[in-house]
N, C-alpha and C. Protein backbone atom coordinates (compact mmCIF):
# COMPACT_ATOMS: atom_id res chain seq x y z
N UNK A 1 -20.33 14.48 -4.08
CA UNK A 1 -20.37 13.34 -4.96
C UNK A 1 -21.65 12.56 -4.65
N UNK A 2 -22.39 12.23 -5.70
CA UNK A 2 -23.64 11.48 -5.56
C UNK A 2 -23.50 10.11 -6.19
N UNK A 3 -24.18 9.12 -5.60
CA UNK A 3 -24.23 7.78 -6.16
C UNK A 3 -25.47 7.69 -7.04
N UNK A 4 -25.27 7.36 -8.30
CA UNK A 4 -26.36 7.24 -9.26
C UNK A 4 -26.89 5.80 -9.29
N UNK A 5 -25.98 4.85 -9.26
CA UNK A 5 -26.34 3.42 -9.28
C UNK A 5 -25.24 2.64 -8.58
N UNK A 6 -25.61 1.46 -8.10
CA UNK A 6 -24.65 0.62 -7.40
C UNK A 6 -24.97 -0.84 -7.70
N UNK A 7 -23.92 -1.63 -7.90
CA UNK A 7 -24.13 -3.06 -8.10
C UNK A 7 -23.07 -3.86 -7.39
N UNK A 8 -23.49 -5.02 -6.91
CA UNK A 8 -22.59 -5.94 -6.24
C UNK A 8 -21.86 -6.76 -7.29
N UNK A 9 -20.55 -6.75 -7.23
CA UNK A 9 -19.72 -7.51 -8.16
C UNK A 9 -19.43 -8.90 -7.61
N UNK A 10 -19.13 -8.95 -6.31
CA UNK A 10 -18.77 -10.20 -5.65
C UNK A 10 -19.08 -10.07 -4.17
N UNK A 11 -19.45 -11.19 -3.55
CA UNK A 11 -19.70 -11.16 -2.12
C UNK A 11 -19.45 -12.54 -1.51
N UNK A 12 -18.87 -12.54 -0.30
CA UNK A 12 -18.81 -13.74 0.51
C UNK A 12 -19.07 -13.30 1.95
N UNK A 13 -18.86 -14.15 2.92
CA UNK A 13 -19.24 -13.80 4.29
C UNK A 13 -18.37 -12.70 4.89
N UNK A 14 -17.18 -12.45 4.33
CA UNK A 14 -16.27 -11.46 4.90
C UNK A 14 -16.23 -10.14 4.13
N UNK A 15 -16.57 -10.17 2.85
CA UNK A 15 -16.29 -9.00 2.01
C UNK A 15 -17.29 -8.89 0.86
N UNK A 16 -17.61 -7.66 0.50
CA UNK A 16 -18.44 -7.41 -0.68
C UNK A 16 -17.74 -6.36 -1.54
N UNK A 17 -17.58 -6.67 -2.82
CA UNK A 17 -17.02 -5.71 -3.77
C UNK A 17 -18.17 -5.07 -4.54
N UNK A 18 -18.22 -3.75 -4.52
CA UNK A 18 -19.28 -3.00 -5.19
C UNK A 18 -18.68 -2.11 -6.26
N UNK A 19 -19.47 -1.84 -7.30
CA UNK A 19 -19.11 -0.84 -8.30
C UNK A 19 -20.26 0.16 -8.39
N UNK A 20 -19.93 1.42 -8.13
CA UNK A 20 -20.94 2.48 -8.16
C UNK A 20 -20.73 3.40 -9.34
N UNK A 21 -21.82 3.85 -9.92
CA UNK A 21 -21.78 4.94 -10.88
C UNK A 21 -21.99 6.20 -10.05
N UNK A 22 -21.06 7.16 -10.20
CA UNK A 22 -21.11 8.36 -9.37
C UNK A 22 -21.16 9.62 -10.23
N UNK A 23 -21.64 10.68 -9.60
CA UNK A 23 -21.60 12.00 -10.24
C UNK A 23 -20.75 12.90 -9.34
N UNK A 24 -19.67 13.42 -9.93
CA UNK A 24 -18.78 14.33 -9.21
C UNK A 24 -19.47 15.68 -9.05
N UNK A 25 -18.94 16.51 -8.17
CA UNK A 25 -19.51 17.82 -7.91
C UNK A 25 -19.57 18.70 -9.15
N UNK A 26 -18.65 18.47 -10.10
CA UNK A 26 -18.66 19.27 -11.34
C UNK A 26 -19.61 18.73 -12.40
N UNK A 27 -20.39 17.68 -12.06
CA UNK A 27 -21.36 17.11 -12.99
C UNK A 27 -20.85 15.94 -13.80
N UNK A 28 -19.56 15.72 -13.83
CA UNK A 28 -18.99 14.59 -14.57
C UNK A 28 -19.36 13.29 -13.86
N UNK A 29 -19.57 12.24 -14.67
CA UNK A 29 -19.87 10.94 -14.06
C UNK A 29 -18.65 10.04 -14.16
N UNK A 30 -18.67 9.00 -13.37
CA UNK A 30 -17.59 8.03 -13.37
C UNK A 30 -17.99 6.79 -12.60
N UNK A 31 -17.05 5.89 -12.43
CA UNK A 31 -17.31 4.69 -11.62
C UNK A 31 -16.34 4.66 -10.45
N UNK A 32 -16.77 4.00 -9.41
CA UNK A 32 -15.94 3.86 -8.22
C UNK A 32 -16.17 2.47 -7.67
N UNK A 33 -15.10 1.68 -7.63
CA UNK A 33 -15.17 0.35 -7.04
C UNK A 33 -14.71 0.45 -5.60
N UNK A 34 -15.41 -0.22 -4.70
CA UNK A 34 -15.04 -0.19 -3.28
C UNK A 34 -15.48 -1.47 -2.59
N UNK A 35 -14.88 -1.68 -1.43
CA UNK A 35 -15.13 -2.89 -0.65
C UNK A 35 -15.94 -2.54 0.58
N UNK A 36 -17.01 -3.30 0.81
CA UNK A 36 -17.77 -3.22 2.06
C UNK A 36 -17.27 -4.36 2.95
N UNK A 37 -16.89 -4.02 4.15
CA UNK A 37 -16.35 -5.03 5.06
C UNK A 37 -16.68 -4.63 6.49
N UNK A 38 -16.83 -5.60 7.36
CA UNK A 38 -17.13 -5.33 8.77
C UNK A 38 -15.96 -4.63 9.45
N UNK A 39 -16.29 -3.77 10.41
CA UNK A 39 -15.26 -3.15 11.25
C UNK A 39 -14.52 -4.24 12.02
N UNK A 40 -13.35 -3.90 12.53
CA UNK A 40 -12.54 -4.87 13.25
C UNK A 40 -11.90 -4.20 14.46
N UNK A 41 -11.45 -5.03 15.39
CA UNK A 41 -10.75 -4.56 16.58
C UNK A 41 -9.29 -5.00 16.50
N UNK A 42 -8.40 -4.11 16.90
CA UNK A 42 -6.99 -4.43 17.07
C UNK A 42 -6.70 -4.26 18.55
N UNK A 43 -6.12 -5.27 19.17
CA UNK A 43 -5.90 -5.25 20.60
C UNK A 43 -4.41 -5.10 20.88
N UNK A 44 -4.08 -4.17 21.78
CA UNK A 44 -2.70 -3.94 22.20
C UNK A 44 -2.55 -4.52 23.61
N UNK A 45 -2.17 -5.80 23.73
CA UNK A 45 -1.98 -6.40 25.05
C UNK A 45 -0.65 -5.93 25.64
N UNK A 46 -0.72 -5.28 26.79
CA UNK A 46 0.47 -4.68 27.41
C UNK A 46 0.47 -4.99 28.90
N UNK A 47 1.54 -5.64 29.37
CA UNK A 47 1.61 -6.01 30.79
C UNK A 47 2.40 -4.99 31.62
N UNK A 48 2.69 -3.84 31.03
CA UNK A 48 3.45 -2.81 31.71
C UNK A 48 4.91 -2.79 31.30
N UNK A 49 5.39 -3.90 30.76
CA UNK A 49 6.78 -3.99 30.30
C UNK A 49 6.89 -4.62 28.91
N UNK A 50 5.91 -5.46 28.56
CA UNK A 50 5.97 -6.20 27.30
C UNK A 50 4.65 -6.13 26.56
N UNK A 51 4.75 -6.34 25.24
CA UNK A 51 3.58 -6.41 24.37
C UNK A 51 3.44 -7.83 23.84
N UNK A 52 2.21 -8.27 23.70
CA UNK A 52 1.94 -9.62 23.20
C UNK A 52 1.51 -9.51 21.74
N UNK A 53 2.27 -10.15 20.86
CA UNK A 53 1.98 -10.15 19.43
C UNK A 53 1.67 -11.55 18.95
N UNK A 54 1.00 -11.63 17.82
CA UNK A 54 0.76 -12.91 17.17
C UNK A 54 1.44 -12.90 15.81
N UNK A 55 1.81 -14.07 15.35
CA UNK A 55 2.40 -14.22 14.03
C UNK A 55 1.56 -15.25 13.27
N UNK A 56 1.20 -14.87 12.04
CA UNK A 56 0.44 -15.80 11.22
C UNK A 56 0.76 -15.59 9.75
N UNK A 57 0.43 -16.59 8.95
CA UNK A 57 0.65 -16.50 7.51
C UNK A 57 -0.43 -15.62 6.91
N UNK A 58 -0.01 -14.61 6.14
CA UNK A 58 -0.93 -13.71 5.45
C UNK A 58 -0.85 -14.02 3.96
N UNK A 59 -1.88 -14.68 3.48
CA UNK A 59 -1.88 -15.20 2.11
C UNK A 59 -1.58 -14.14 1.05
N UNK A 60 -2.22 -12.95 1.06
CA UNK A 60 -1.92 -11.99 -0.01
C UNK A 60 -0.44 -11.58 -0.07
N UNK A 61 0.24 -11.55 1.07
CA UNK A 61 1.66 -11.20 1.09
C UNK A 61 2.56 -12.41 0.91
N UNK A 62 1.98 -13.60 1.06
CA UNK A 62 2.73 -14.86 0.96
C UNK A 62 3.86 -14.91 1.98
N UNK A 63 3.57 -14.43 3.19
CA UNK A 63 4.58 -14.47 4.25
C UNK A 63 3.91 -14.46 5.62
N UNK A 64 4.69 -14.85 6.61
CA UNK A 64 4.23 -14.78 7.99
C UNK A 64 4.46 -13.36 8.48
N UNK A 65 3.52 -12.85 9.28
CA UNK A 65 3.59 -11.47 9.76
C UNK A 65 3.32 -11.40 11.26
N UNK A 66 4.15 -10.61 11.96
CA UNK A 66 3.90 -10.30 13.36
C UNK A 66 2.98 -9.11 13.42
N UNK A 67 2.00 -9.16 14.31
CA UNK A 67 1.04 -8.08 14.45
C UNK A 67 0.34 -8.18 15.80
N UNK A 68 -0.35 -7.12 16.18
CA UNK A 68 -1.19 -7.20 17.36
C UNK A 68 -2.38 -8.09 17.04
N UNK A 69 -2.92 -8.81 18.02
CA UNK A 69 -4.10 -9.63 17.75
C UNK A 69 -5.29 -8.77 17.34
N UNK A 70 -6.20 -9.36 16.62
CA UNK A 70 -7.38 -8.61 16.20
C UNK A 70 -8.31 -9.45 15.37
N UNK A 71 -9.45 -8.87 15.08
CA UNK A 71 -10.42 -9.57 14.25
C UNK A 71 -11.73 -8.83 14.19
N UNK A 72 -12.66 -9.45 13.49
CA UNK A 72 -13.96 -8.84 13.27
C UNK A 72 -15.06 -9.87 13.46
N UNK A 73 -16.28 -9.42 13.31
CA UNK A 73 -17.45 -10.29 13.33
C UNK A 73 -18.10 -10.12 11.96
N UNK A 74 -17.81 -11.02 11.02
CA UNK A 74 -18.34 -10.87 9.66
C UNK A 74 -19.85 -10.70 9.65
N UNK A 75 -20.31 -9.72 8.89
CA UNK A 75 -21.74 -9.50 8.72
C UNK A 75 -22.44 -8.84 9.89
N UNK A 76 -21.70 -8.43 10.91
CA UNK A 76 -22.33 -7.82 12.09
C UNK A 76 -22.96 -6.47 11.72
N UNK A 77 -24.18 -6.25 12.15
CA UNK A 77 -24.85 -4.96 11.92
C UNK A 77 -24.43 -3.94 12.96
N UNK A 78 -24.17 -4.39 14.18
CA UNK A 78 -23.70 -3.54 15.27
C UNK A 78 -22.28 -3.98 15.59
N UNK A 79 -21.44 -3.03 15.99
CA UNK A 79 -20.06 -3.38 16.32
C UNK A 79 -19.71 -2.80 17.69
N UNK A 80 -19.36 -3.67 18.61
CA UNK A 80 -18.93 -3.27 19.95
C UNK A 80 -17.44 -3.58 20.04
N UNK A 81 -16.57 -2.56 19.90
CA UNK A 81 -15.13 -2.84 19.85
C UNK A 81 -14.59 -3.49 21.12
N UNK A 82 -15.14 -3.17 22.27
CA UNK A 82 -14.66 -3.76 23.52
C UNK A 82 -15.01 -5.25 23.57
N UNK A 83 -16.24 -5.59 23.20
CA UNK A 83 -16.65 -7.00 23.19
C UNK A 83 -15.84 -7.81 22.18
N UNK A 84 -15.64 -7.24 20.99
CA UNK A 84 -14.86 -7.95 19.97
C UNK A 84 -13.41 -8.08 20.42
N UNK A 85 -12.85 -7.03 21.04
CA UNK A 85 -11.48 -7.09 21.54
C UNK A 85 -11.33 -8.18 22.59
N UNK A 86 -12.27 -8.25 23.52
CA UNK A 86 -12.22 -9.27 24.57
C UNK A 86 -12.23 -10.67 23.96
N UNK A 87 -13.11 -10.89 22.98
CA UNK A 87 -13.24 -12.20 22.33
C UNK A 87 -11.98 -12.56 21.54
N UNK A 88 -11.51 -11.63 20.71
CA UNK A 88 -10.34 -11.91 19.87
C UNK A 88 -9.08 -12.12 20.70
N UNK A 89 -8.92 -11.35 21.78
CA UNK A 89 -7.77 -11.52 22.66
C UNK A 89 -7.75 -12.93 23.26
N UNK A 90 -8.90 -13.37 23.75
CA UNK A 90 -9.01 -14.71 24.34
C UNK A 90 -8.75 -15.78 23.28
N UNK A 91 -9.40 -15.63 22.11
CA UNK A 91 -9.27 -16.65 21.07
C UNK A 91 -7.84 -16.78 20.56
N UNK A 92 -7.20 -15.65 20.24
CA UNK A 92 -5.90 -15.70 19.58
C UNK A 92 -4.73 -15.90 20.53
N UNK A 93 -4.84 -15.39 21.76
CA UNK A 93 -3.69 -15.44 22.68
C UNK A 93 -3.95 -16.21 23.96
N UNK A 94 -5.21 -16.40 24.32
CA UNK A 94 -5.54 -17.00 25.61
C UNK A 94 -5.55 -15.99 26.74
N UNK A 95 -5.15 -14.77 26.47
CA UNK A 95 -5.11 -13.73 27.49
C UNK A 95 -6.51 -13.23 27.82
N UNK A 96 -6.68 -12.89 29.10
CA UNK A 96 -7.90 -12.22 29.56
C UNK A 96 -7.45 -10.89 30.15
N UNK A 97 -8.20 -9.82 29.85
CA UNK A 97 -7.84 -8.49 30.32
C UNK A 97 -8.88 -8.00 31.32
N UNK A 98 -8.42 -7.57 32.49
CA UNK A 98 -9.33 -6.97 33.47
C UNK A 98 -9.70 -5.55 33.04
N UNK A 99 -8.83 -4.93 32.24
CA UNK A 99 -9.06 -3.56 31.80
C UNK A 99 -8.90 -3.45 30.29
N UNK A 100 -9.94 -2.95 29.62
CA UNK A 100 -9.88 -2.69 28.18
C UNK A 100 -10.21 -1.22 27.97
N UNK A 101 -9.29 -0.51 27.29
CA UNK A 101 -9.43 0.93 27.08
C UNK A 101 -9.46 1.22 25.59
N UNK A 102 -10.51 1.91 25.15
CA UNK A 102 -10.63 2.28 23.74
C UNK A 102 -9.67 3.42 23.44
N UNK A 103 -8.79 3.23 22.45
CA UNK A 103 -7.80 4.24 22.11
C UNK A 103 -8.18 5.08 20.90
N UNK A 104 -9.01 4.56 20.01
CA UNK A 104 -9.39 5.31 18.82
C UNK A 104 -9.64 4.39 17.65
N UNK A 105 -9.84 5.02 16.50
CA UNK A 105 -10.10 4.21 15.30
C UNK A 105 -9.28 4.73 14.14
N UNK A 106 -9.05 3.84 13.19
CA UNK A 106 -8.32 4.16 11.97
C UNK A 106 -9.12 3.62 10.79
N UNK A 107 -9.05 4.33 9.67
CA UNK A 107 -9.66 3.85 8.44
C UNK A 107 -8.64 2.93 7.77
N UNK A 108 -9.02 1.71 7.58
CA UNK A 108 -8.09 0.70 7.08
C UNK A 108 -7.57 1.03 5.68
N UNK A 109 -8.42 1.42 4.79
CA UNK A 109 -8.05 1.75 3.41
C UNK A 109 -9.11 2.71 2.87
N UNK A 110 -9.07 3.98 3.27
CA UNK A 110 -10.17 4.90 3.00
C UNK A 110 -10.47 5.15 1.52
N UNK A 111 -9.55 4.87 0.64
CA UNK A 111 -9.81 5.06 -0.79
C UNK A 111 -10.53 3.87 -1.41
N UNK A 112 -10.51 2.72 -0.71
CA UNK A 112 -11.09 1.52 -1.31
C UNK A 112 -12.05 0.75 -0.43
N UNK A 113 -12.15 1.10 0.86
CA UNK A 113 -13.00 0.31 1.75
C UNK A 113 -13.66 1.19 2.81
N UNK A 114 -14.80 0.72 3.30
CA UNK A 114 -15.58 1.49 4.27
C UNK A 114 -15.40 1.04 5.71
N UNK A 115 -14.51 0.11 5.99
CA UNK A 115 -14.41 -0.39 7.36
C UNK A 115 -13.33 0.32 8.16
N UNK A 116 -13.55 0.31 9.48
CA UNK A 116 -12.65 0.95 10.43
C UNK A 116 -12.03 -0.11 11.33
N UNK A 117 -10.81 0.17 11.78
CA UNK A 117 -10.17 -0.61 12.82
C UNK A 117 -10.26 0.15 14.12
N UNK A 118 -10.77 -0.49 15.15
CA UNK A 118 -10.94 0.11 16.46
C UNK A 118 -9.83 -0.43 17.36
N UNK A 119 -9.03 0.47 17.90
CA UNK A 119 -7.85 0.10 18.67
C UNK A 119 -8.20 0.07 20.16
N UNK A 120 -7.87 -1.05 20.81
CA UNK A 120 -8.21 -1.25 22.22
C UNK A 120 -6.96 -1.70 22.97
N UNK A 121 -6.65 -1.00 24.05
CA UNK A 121 -5.54 -1.37 24.94
C UNK A 121 -6.05 -2.38 25.96
N UNK A 122 -5.34 -3.49 26.10
CA UNK A 122 -5.69 -4.54 27.07
C UNK A 122 -4.61 -4.59 28.14
N UNK A 123 -5.02 -4.39 29.40
CA UNK A 123 -4.07 -4.41 30.52
C UNK A 123 -4.63 -5.28 31.64
N UNK A 124 -3.83 -5.43 32.70
CA UNK A 124 -4.19 -6.31 33.82
C UNK A 124 -4.52 -7.70 33.28
N UNK A 125 -3.54 -8.28 32.63
CA UNK A 125 -3.71 -9.52 31.88
C UNK A 125 -3.45 -10.76 32.71
N UNK A 126 -4.25 -11.78 32.43
CA UNK A 126 -3.99 -13.12 32.96
C UNK A 126 -3.92 -14.08 31.78
N UNK A 127 -3.06 -15.07 31.92
CA UNK A 127 -2.83 -16.00 30.81
C UNK A 127 -3.76 -17.20 30.89
N UNK A 128 -4.09 -17.72 29.73
CA UNK A 128 -4.90 -18.92 29.60
C UNK A 128 -4.57 -19.57 28.27
N UNK A 129 -5.35 -20.56 27.91
CA UNK A 129 -5.14 -21.26 26.65
C UNK A 129 -5.88 -20.54 25.52
N UNK A 130 -5.22 -20.38 24.37
CA UNK A 130 -5.92 -19.79 23.22
C UNK A 130 -7.09 -20.66 22.78
N UNK A 131 -8.08 -20.04 22.16
CA UNK A 131 -9.25 -20.75 21.63
C UNK A 131 -9.36 -20.44 20.15
N UNK A 132 -8.31 -20.73 19.42
CA UNK A 132 -8.20 -20.34 18.02
C UNK A 132 -9.17 -21.08 17.11
N UNK A 133 -9.59 -20.34 16.07
CA UNK A 133 -10.42 -20.93 15.02
C UNK A 133 -9.54 -21.85 14.18
N UNK A 134 -10.15 -22.70 13.38
CA UNK A 134 -9.38 -23.66 12.58
C UNK A 134 -8.41 -22.96 11.63
N UNK A 135 -8.77 -21.77 11.14
CA UNK A 135 -7.89 -21.04 10.22
C UNK A 135 -6.73 -20.37 10.94
N UNK A 136 -6.71 -20.42 12.26
CA UNK A 136 -5.65 -19.78 13.04
C UNK A 136 -4.71 -20.78 13.70
N UNK A 137 -4.78 -22.02 13.29
CA UNK A 137 -4.01 -23.07 13.97
C UNK A 137 -2.50 -22.91 13.79
N UNK A 138 -2.07 -22.20 12.75
CA UNK A 138 -0.63 -21.99 12.55
C UNK A 138 -0.13 -20.73 13.26
N UNK A 139 -1.02 -20.06 13.98
CA UNK A 139 -0.67 -18.82 14.66
C UNK A 139 0.30 -19.09 15.80
N UNK A 140 1.27 -18.20 15.95
CA UNK A 140 2.19 -18.22 17.07
C UNK A 140 2.02 -16.94 17.86
N UNK A 141 2.40 -16.94 19.10
CA UNK A 141 2.29 -15.74 19.94
C UNK A 141 3.54 -15.62 20.79
N UNK A 142 3.94 -14.37 21.07
CA UNK A 142 5.13 -14.14 21.90
C UNK A 142 5.07 -12.74 22.51
N UNK A 143 5.82 -12.57 23.58
CA UNK A 143 5.95 -11.28 24.26
C UNK A 143 7.19 -10.56 23.73
N UNK A 144 7.08 -9.23 23.61
CA UNK A 144 8.19 -8.39 23.16
C UNK A 144 8.27 -7.14 24.02
N UNK A 145 9.48 -6.72 24.32
CA UNK A 145 9.67 -5.46 25.04
C UNK A 145 9.34 -4.30 24.11
N UNK A 146 9.20 -3.12 24.69
CA UNK A 146 8.95 -1.92 23.88
C UNK A 146 10.10 -1.70 22.88
N UNK A 147 11.34 -1.87 23.33
CA UNK A 147 12.49 -1.69 22.43
C UNK A 147 12.45 -2.69 21.28
N UNK A 148 12.10 -3.94 21.58
CA UNK A 148 11.99 -4.96 20.52
C UNK A 148 10.88 -4.62 19.55
N UNK A 149 9.73 -4.19 20.07
CA UNK A 149 8.60 -3.83 19.22
C UNK A 149 8.97 -2.68 18.29
N UNK A 150 9.57 -1.64 18.85
CA UNK A 150 9.95 -0.48 18.03
C UNK A 150 11.00 -0.86 16.99
N UNK A 151 11.93 -1.72 17.35
CA UNK A 151 12.92 -2.20 16.39
C UNK A 151 12.26 -3.00 15.27
N UNK A 152 11.29 -3.84 15.61
CA UNK A 152 10.58 -4.63 14.60
C UNK A 152 9.82 -3.72 13.63
N UNK A 153 9.26 -2.63 14.13
CA UNK A 153 8.57 -1.68 13.26
C UNK A 153 9.59 -0.97 12.36
N UNK A 154 10.66 -0.45 12.95
CA UNK A 154 11.67 0.30 12.21
C UNK A 154 12.36 -0.54 11.14
N UNK A 155 12.54 -1.82 11.42
CA UNK A 155 13.26 -2.71 10.49
C UNK A 155 12.34 -3.38 9.47
N UNK A 156 11.06 -3.10 9.52
CA UNK A 156 10.13 -3.70 8.57
C UNK A 156 9.76 -5.13 8.87
N UNK A 157 10.03 -5.59 10.10
CA UNK A 157 9.59 -6.92 10.50
C UNK A 157 8.08 -6.89 10.72
N UNK A 158 7.60 -5.83 11.35
CA UNK A 158 6.16 -5.61 11.47
C UNK A 158 5.75 -4.71 10.30
N UNK A 159 4.98 -5.27 9.37
CA UNK A 159 4.55 -4.50 8.20
C UNK A 159 3.05 -4.20 8.24
N UNK A 160 2.37 -4.74 9.22
CA UNK A 160 0.93 -4.52 9.34
C UNK A 160 0.66 -3.08 9.77
N UNK A 161 0.05 -2.31 8.87
CA UNK A 161 -0.17 -0.88 9.14
C UNK A 161 -1.10 -0.66 10.33
N UNK A 162 -2.02 -1.58 10.56
CA UNK A 162 -2.93 -1.43 11.70
C UNK A 162 -2.17 -1.54 13.02
N UNK A 163 -1.20 -2.44 13.08
CA UNK A 163 -0.40 -2.58 14.29
C UNK A 163 0.46 -1.35 14.53
N UNK A 164 1.03 -0.80 13.46
CA UNK A 164 1.84 0.41 13.59
C UNK A 164 0.96 1.57 14.06
N UNK A 165 -0.21 1.71 13.47
CA UNK A 165 -1.15 2.78 13.88
C UNK A 165 -1.61 2.57 15.32
N UNK A 166 -1.84 1.33 15.70
CA UNK A 166 -2.27 1.03 17.07
C UNK A 166 -1.19 1.46 18.06
N UNK A 167 0.06 1.19 17.72
CA UNK A 167 1.15 1.58 18.60
C UNK A 167 1.23 3.11 18.71
N UNK A 168 1.01 3.81 17.62
CA UNK A 168 1.01 5.28 17.65
C UNK A 168 -0.11 5.80 18.55
N UNK A 169 -1.30 5.22 18.46
CA UNK A 169 -2.40 5.64 19.33
C UNK A 169 -2.08 5.35 20.79
N UNK A 170 -1.38 4.24 21.06
CA UNK A 170 -0.96 3.96 22.43
C UNK A 170 0.00 5.04 22.92
N UNK A 171 0.98 5.41 22.09
CA UNK A 171 1.93 6.45 22.49
C UNK A 171 1.23 7.77 22.79
N UNK A 172 0.25 8.14 21.98
CA UNK A 172 -0.51 9.37 22.23
C UNK A 172 -1.30 9.25 23.53
N UNK A 173 -1.87 8.09 23.78
CA UNK A 173 -2.61 7.83 25.03
C UNK A 173 -1.68 7.96 26.24
N UNK A 174 -0.50 7.39 26.14
CA UNK A 174 0.46 7.47 27.23
C UNK A 174 0.92 8.91 27.48
N UNK A 175 1.04 9.67 26.43
CA UNK A 175 1.46 11.06 26.56
C UNK A 175 0.43 11.88 27.35
N UNK A 176 -0.85 11.55 27.17
CA UNK A 176 -1.92 12.26 27.89
C UNK A 176 -1.95 11.90 29.37
N UNK A 177 -1.57 10.66 29.67
CA UNK A 177 -1.68 10.15 31.06
C UNK A 177 -0.70 10.80 32.01
């Protein structure tokens, strides 16, 4: 598939919507709309017995959602998942991790967006005060056992696909260990 032309439809500091004119392998042309967005880190804070989750209001769903902490650096040209994980963990939860382990990456929405989520396990944790941004002031945080976390996923309490994928990558990591 080749890109013949591309135009920006909308852009702000977090997201750019593009529309491309494309040529398929069979020679047919068409259009493809997609989102350009910065990569992000999802952090799995684990103290050996419990997981630390955050809950916040997610406007598109019009509901509060429990999920692993995470975030991005809008407009970043380079992405260091460990550095972003360390920053987001401190900001959203107040936790500091002596050990950060890269578990892998997931494509957030491969049919519509070019960004990846980088999953990082945070262990050897110490607690501190969160340093939340103004848009995160309604955020709550709590510890959950593995059984509680799995129940929340199974019952649809955790609907964030990145958190579910992060937990799966953790299970695969644990299986190797």
